[in-house]
PDB file of all heavy atoms in Angstrom:
ATOM      1  N   GLY A   1     109.145  99.459 115.349  1.00  0.00           N
ATOM      2  CA  GLY A   1     108.040  99.773 114.569  1.00  0.00           C
ATOM      3  C   GLY A   1     108.052 101.269 114.069  1.00  0.00           C
ATOM      4  O   GLY A   1     108.354 102.119 114.811  1.00  0.00           O
ATOM      5  N   VAL A   2     107.815 101.323 112.727  1.00  0.00           N
ATOM      6  CA  VAL A   2     107.820 102.659 112.142  1.00  0.00           C
ATOM      7  C   VAL A   2     106.674 102.765 111.183  1.00  0.00           C
ATOM      8  O   VAL A   2     106.177 101.932 110.419  1.00  0.00           O
ATOM      9  CB  VAL A   2     109.172 102.866 111.302  1.00  0.00           C
ATOM     10  CG1 VAL A   2     110.400 103.047 112.256  1.00  0.00           C
ATOM     11  CG2 VAL A   2     109.358 101.833 110.292  1.00  0.00           C
ATOM     12  N   ASP A   3     106.042 104.081 111.330  1.00  0.00           N
ATOM     13  CA  ASP A   3     105.016 104.392 110.377  1.00  0.00           C
ATOM     14  C   ASP A   3     105.746 105.015 109.040  1.00  0.00           C
ATOM     15  O   ASP A   3     106.593 105.590 109.259  1.00  0.00           O
ATOM     16  CB  ASP A   3     104.067 105.476 111.003  1.00  0.00           C
ATOM     17  CG  ASP A   3     102.831 105.499 110.116  1.00  0.00           C
ATOM     18  OD1 ASP A   3     102.550 104.669 109.426  1.00  0.00           O
ATOM     19  OD2 ASP A   3     102.173 106.620 110.415  1.00  0.00           O
ATOM     20  N   LEU A   4     105.147 104.526 107.960  1.00  0.00           N
ATOM     21  CA  LEU A   4     105.785 104.875 106.621  1.00  0.00           C
ATOM     22  C   LEU A   4     105.132 106.093 105.925  1.00  0.00           C
ATOM     23  O   LEU A   4     103.942 106.427 106.149  1.00  0.00           O
ATOM     24  CB  LEU A   4     105.769 103.768 105.634  1.00  0.00           C
ATOM     25  CG  LEU A   4     106.484 102.469 106.204  1.00  0.00           C
ATOM     26  CD1 LEU A   4     106.287 101.375 105.175  1.00  0.00           C
ATOM     27  CD2 LEU A   4     107.869 102.708 106.591  1.00  0.00           C
ATOM     28  N   VAL A   5     105.969 106.964 105.323  1.00  0.00           N
ATOM     29  CA  VAL A   5     105.469 108.100 104.454  1.00  0.00           C
ATOM     30  C   VAL A   5     104.512 107.644 103.534  1.00  0.00           C
ATOM     31  O   VAL A   5     104.787 106.505 102.788  1.00  0.00           O
ATOM     32  CB  VAL A   5     106.531 108.863 103.830  1.00  0.00           C
ATOM     33  CG1 VAL A   5     106.101 109.933 102.931  1.00  0.00           C
ATOM     34  CG2 VAL A   5     107.560 109.550 104.913  1.00  0.00           C
ATOM     35  N   LYS A   6     103.354 108.196 103.435  1.00  0.00           N
ATOM     36  CA  LYS A   6     102.250 107.875 102.361  1.00  0.00           C
ATOM     37  C   LYS A   6     101.485 109.071 101.966  1.00  0.00           C
ATOM     38  O   LYS A   6     102.093 110.263 102.321  1.00  0.00           O
ATOM     39  CB  LYS A   6     101.459 106.899 103.055  1.00  0.00           C
ATOM     40  CG  LYS A   6     100.653 107.320 104.283  1.00  0.00           C
ATOM     41  CD  LYS A   6      99.979 106.205 104.960  1.00  0.00           C
ATOM     42  CE  LYS A   6     100.936 105.036 105.502  1.00  0.00           C
ATOM     43  NZ  LYS A   6     101.776 105.604 106.638  1.00  0.00           N
ATOM     44  N   ASP A   7     100.466 109.076 101.319  1.00  0.00           N
ATOM     45  CA  ASP A   7      99.696 110.199 100.874  1.00  0.00           C
ATOM     46  C   ASP A   7      99.348 111.003 102.121  1.00  0.00           C
ATOM     47  O   ASP A   7      98.917 110.500 103.192  1.00  0.00           O
ATOM     48  CB  ASP A   7      98.634 109.810  99.974  1.00  0.00           C
ATOM     49  CG  ASP A   7      97.555 109.120 100.806  1.00  0.00           C
ATOM     50  OD1 ASP A   7      97.655 107.944 100.892  1.00  0.00           O
ATOM     51  OD2 ASP A   7      96.554 109.740 101.198  1.00  0.00           O
ATOM     52  N   VAL A   8      99.357 112.312 101.963  1.00  0.00           N
ATOM     53  CA  VAL A   8      99.098 113.200 103.127  1.00  0.00           C
ATOM     54  C   VAL A   8      97.706 113.182 103.582  1.00  0.00           C
ATOM     55  O   VAL A   8      97.509 113.142 104.818  1.00  0.00           O
ATOM     56  CB  VAL A   8      99.470 114.587 102.680  1.00  0.00           C
ATOM     57  CG1 VAL A   8      99.030 115.678 103.790  1.00  0.00           C
ATOM     58  CG2 VAL A   8     100.866 114.811 102.279  1.00  0.00           C
ATOM     59  N   ASP A   9      96.651 112.942 102.726  1.00  0.00           N
ATOM     60  CA  ASP A   9      95.287 112.809 103.309  1.00  0.00           C
ATOM     61  C   ASP A   9      95.199 111.611 104.243  1.00  0.00           C
ATOM     62  O   ASP A   9      94.479 111.810 105.301  1.00  0.00           O
ATOM     63  CB  ASP A   9      94.418 112.648 101.970  1.00  0.00           C
ATOM     64  CG  ASP A   9      94.171 113.945 101.278  1.00  0.00           C
ATOM     65  OD1 ASP A   9      94.585 115.037 101.640  1.00  0.00           O
ATOM     66  OD2 ASP A   9      93.655 113.758 100.143  1.00  0.00           O
ATOM     67  N   THR A  10      95.754 110.536 103.919  1.00  0.00           N
ATOM     68  CA  THR A  10      95.614 109.343 104.823  1.00  0.00           C
ATOM     69  C   THR A  10      96.337 109.699 106.108  1.00  0.00           C
ATOM     70  O   THR A  10      95.911 109.376 107.137  1.00  0.00           O
ATOM     71  CB  THR A  10      96.257 108.022 104.134  1.00  0.00           C
ATOM     72  OG1 THR A  10      95.635 107.812 102.916  1.00  0.00           O
ATOM     73  CG2 THR A  10      96.288 107.003 105.075  1.00  0.00           C
ATOM     74  N   MET A  11      97.460 110.368 106.086  1.00  0.00           N
ATOM     75  CA  MET A  11      98.206 110.637 107.326  1.00  0.00           C
ATOM     76  C   MET A  11      97.398 111.635 108.241  1.00  0.00           C
ATOM     77  O   MET A  11      97.272 111.444 109.420  1.00  0.00           O
ATOM     78  CB  MET A  11      99.578 111.109 107.146  1.00  0.00           C
ATOM     79  CG  MET A  11     100.528 110.007 106.500  1.00  0.00           C
ATOM     80  SD  MET A  11     102.273 110.468 106.290  1.00  0.00           S
ATOM     81  CE  MET A  11     102.162 111.646 104.965  1.00  0.00           C
ATOM     82  N   VAL A  12      96.851 112.664 107.580  1.00  0.00           N
ATOM     83  CA  VAL A  12      96.087 113.660 108.339  1.00  0.00           C
ATOM     84  C   VAL A  12      94.764 113.116 108.926  1.00  0.00           C
ATOM     85  O   VAL A  12      94.510 113.367 110.065  1.00  0.00           O
ATOM     86  CB  VAL A  12      95.731 114.842 107.378  1.00  0.00           C
ATOM     87  CG1 VAL A  12      94.704 115.846 108.107  1.00  0.00           C
ATOM     88  CG2 VAL A  12      97.024 115.664 106.855  1.00  0.00           C
ATOM     89  N   ALA A  13      94.187 112.204 108.012  1.00  0.00           N
ATOM     90  CA  ALA A  13      92.941 111.616 108.707  1.00  0.00           C
ATOM     91  C   ALA A  13      93.112 110.702 109.898  1.00  0.00           C
ATOM     92  O   ALA A  13      92.352 110.637 110.868  1.00  0.00           O
ATOM     93  CB  ALA A  13      92.310 110.744 107.567  1.00  0.00           C
ATOM     94  N   ALA A  14      94.421 110.092 109.876  1.00  0.00           N
ATOM     95  CA  ALA A  14      94.757 109.234 111.137  1.00  0.00           C
ATOM     96  C   ALA A  14      94.826 110.016 112.388  1.00  0.00           C
ATOM     97  O   ALA A  14      94.702 109.510 113.508  1.00  0.00           O
ATOM     98  CB  ALA A  14      96.037 108.527 110.963  1.00  0.00           C
ATOM     99  N   TYR A  15      95.044 111.265 112.374  1.00  0.00           N
ATOM    100  CA  TYR A  15      95.229 112.295 113.540  1.00  0.00           C
ATOM    101  C   TYR A  15      94.038 113.308 113.513  1.00  0.00           C
ATOM    102  O   TYR A  15      94.194 114.240 114.377  1.00  0.00           O
ATOM    103  CB  TYR A  15      96.638 112.881 113.441  1.00  0.00           C
ATOM    104  CG  TYR A  15      97.722 112.010 113.498  1.00  0.00           C
ATOM    105  CD1 TYR A  15      98.189 111.312 112.300  1.00  0.00           C
ATOM    106  CD2 TYR A  15      98.163 111.621 114.779  1.00  0.00           C
ATOM    107  CE1 TYR A  15      99.255 110.469 112.330  1.00  0.00           C
ATOM    108  CE2 TYR A  15      99.207 110.627 114.738  1.00  0.00           C
ATOM    109  CZ  TYR A  15      99.859 110.132 113.602  1.00  0.00           C
ATOM    110  OH  TYR A  15     100.755 109.155 113.594  1.00  0.00           O
ATOM    111  N   ASN A  16      93.075 113.037 112.822  1.00  0.00           N
ATOM    112  CA  ASN A  16      91.891 113.945 112.890  1.00  0.00           C
ATOM    113  C   ASN A  16      90.555 113.240 112.494  1.00  0.00           C
ATOM    114  O   ASN A  16      89.965 113.480 111.433  1.00  0.00           O
ATOM    115  CB  ASN A  16      92.111 115.006 111.872  1.00  0.00           C
ATOM    116  CG  ASN A  16      91.168 116.258 112.015  1.00  0.00           C
ATOM    117  OD1 ASN A  16      90.754 116.537 113.185  1.00  0.00           O
ATOM    118  ND2 ASN A  16      90.725 116.916 110.936  1.00  0.00           N
ATOM    119  N   ASP A  17      90.265 112.240 113.355  1.00  0.00           N
ATOM    120  CA  ASP A  17      89.177 111.250 112.897  1.00  0.00           C
ATOM    121  C   ASP A  17      87.857 112.078 112.950  1.00  0.00           C
ATOM    122  O   ASP A  17      87.696 113.096 113.543  1.00  0.00           O
ATOM    123  CB  ASP A  17      89.070 110.200 114.049  1.00  0.00           C
ATOM    124  CG  ASP A  17      88.737 110.673 115.438  1.00  0.00           C
ATOM    125  OD1 ASP A  17      89.707 111.171 116.096  1.00  0.00           O
ATOM    126  OD2 ASP A  17      87.609 110.819 115.714  1.00  0.00           O
ATOM    127  N   SER A  18      86.896 111.559 112.194  1.00  0.00           N
ATOM    128  CA  SER A  18      85.601 112.219 112.035  1.00  0.00           C
ATOM    129  C   SER A  18      84.793 112.291 113.184  1.00  0.00           C
ATOM    130  O   SER A  18      83.877 113.157 113.331  1.00  0.00           O
ATOM    131  CB  SER A  18      84.764 111.428 110.799  1.00  0.00           C
ATOM    132  OG  SER A  18      84.615 110.123 111.234  1.00  0.00           O
ATOM    133  N   THR A  19      84.959 111.538 114.231  1.00  0.00           N
ATOM    134  CA  THR A  19      84.151 111.417 115.415  1.00  0.00           C
ATOM    135  C   THR A  19      84.691 112.308 116.559  1.00  0.00           C
ATOM    136  O   THR A  19      84.114 112.662 117.546  1.00  0.00           O
ATOM    137  CB  THR A  19      84.068 109.996 115.997  1.00  0.00           C
ATOM    138  OG1 THR A  19      85.299 109.444 116.243  1.00  0.00           O
ATOM    139  CG2 THR A  19      83.372 109.053 115.029  1.00  0.00           C
ATOM    140  N   GLY A  20      85.925 112.917 116.345  1.00  0.00           N
ATOM    141  CA  GLY A  20      86.520 113.845 117.285  1.00  0.00           C
ATOM    142  C   GLY A  20      87.244 113.195 118.427  1.00  0.00           C
ATOM    143  O   GLY A  20      87.513 114.038 119.455  1.00  0.00           O
ATOM    144  N   VAL A  21      87.523 111.953 118.463  1.00  0.00           N
ATOM    145  CA  VAL A  21      88.172 111.385 119.623  1.00  0.00           C
ATOM    146  C   VAL A  21      89.644 111.965 119.757  1.00  0.00           C
ATOM    147  O   VAL A  21      90.013 112.219 120.782  1.00  0.00           O
ATOM    148  CB  VAL A  21      88.267 109.843 119.467  1.00  0.00           C
ATOM    149  CG1 VAL A  21      89.002 109.305 120.594  1.00  0.00           C
ATOM    150  CG2 VAL A  21      86.814 109.215 119.422  1.00  0.00           C
ATOM    151  N   THR A  22      90.340 112.047 118.544  1.00  0.00           N
ATOM    152  CA  THR A  22      91.619 112.537 118.632  1.00  0.00           C
ATOM    153  C   THR A  22      91.683 114.007 119.113  1.00  0.00           C
ATOM    154  O   THR A  22      92.629 114.352 119.784  1.00  0.00           O
ATOM    155  CB  THR A  22      92.218 112.455 117.207  1.00  0.00           C
ATOM    156  OG1 THR A  22      92.140 111.192 116.690  1.00  0.00           O
ATOM    157  CG2 THR A  22      93.727 112.744 117.298  1.00  0.00           C
ATOM    158  N   ALA A  23      90.723 114.745 118.798  1.00  0.00           N
ATOM    159  CA  ALA A  23      90.574 116.128 119.283  1.00  0.00           C
ATOM    160  C   ALA A  23      90.396 116.158 120.756  1.00  0.00           C
ATOM    161  O   ALA A  23      91.178 116.987 121.525  1.00  0.00           O
ATOM    162  CB  ALA A  23      89.470 116.989 118.617  1.00  0.00           C
ATOM    163  N   GLU A  24      89.624 115.338 121.352  1.00  0.00           N
ATOM    164  CA  GLU A  24      89.481 115.200 122.786  1.00  0.00           C
ATOM    165  C   GLU A  24      90.747 114.720 123.483  1.00  0.00           C
ATOM    166  O   GLU A  24      91.163 115.182 124.414  1.00  0.00           O
ATOM    167  CB  GLU A  24      88.265 114.252 123.162  1.00  0.00           C
ATOM    168  CG  GLU A  24      86.986 114.848 122.879  1.00  0.00           C
ATOM    169  CD  GLU A  24      86.784 116.078 123.766  1.00  0.00           C
ATOM    170  OE1 GLU A  24      86.907 116.092 124.958  1.00  0.00           O
ATOM    171  OE2 GLU A  24      86.420 117.173 123.143  1.00  0.00           O
ATOM    172  N   PHE A  25      91.375 113.836 122.851  1.00  0.00           N
ATOM    173  CA  PHE A  25      92.746 113.399 123.338  1.00  0.00           C
ATOM    174  C   PHE A  25      93.753 114.551 123.397  1.00  0.00           C
ATOM    175  O   PHE A  25      94.366 114.683 124.453  1.00  0.00           O
ATOM    176  CB  PHE A  25      93.332 112.181 122.418  1.00  0.00           C
ATOM    177  CG  PHE A  25      94.641 111.855 122.785  1.00  0.00           C
ATOM    178  CD1 PHE A  25      94.878 110.964 123.941  1.00  0.00           C
ATOM    179  CD2 PHE A  25      95.781 111.998 121.913  1.00  0.00           C
ATOM    180  CE1 PHE A  25      96.193 110.522 124.150  1.00  0.00           C
ATOM    181  CE2 PHE A  25      96.986 111.608 122.240  1.00  0.00           C
ATOM    182  CZ  PHE A  25      97.264 110.779 123.347  1.00  0.00           C
ATOM    183  N   THR A  26      93.806 115.240 122.354  1.00  0.00           N
ATOM    184  CA  THR A  26      94.776 116.368 122.425  1.00  0.00           C
ATOM    185  C   THR A  26      94.429 117.497 123.487  1.00  0.00           C
ATOM    186  O   THR A  26      95.245 117.850 124.213  1.00  0.00           O
ATOM    187  CB  THR A  26      94.877 117.049 120.954  1.00  0.00           C
ATOM    188  OG1 THR A  26      95.220 116.036 119.957  1.00  0.00           O
ATOM    189  CG2 THR A  26      95.981 118.042 120.964  1.00  0.00           C
TER     190      THR A  26
END
C-alpha cells in the first residue's frame, strides 16, 4: 500500500485535522 503524491493542501490536512486528534496523537 502506498499513498500517492497529490496537492499539498490535501496532504497537510490529512495530518492536521480540524478537531485536533492528530495533534493529540503526536
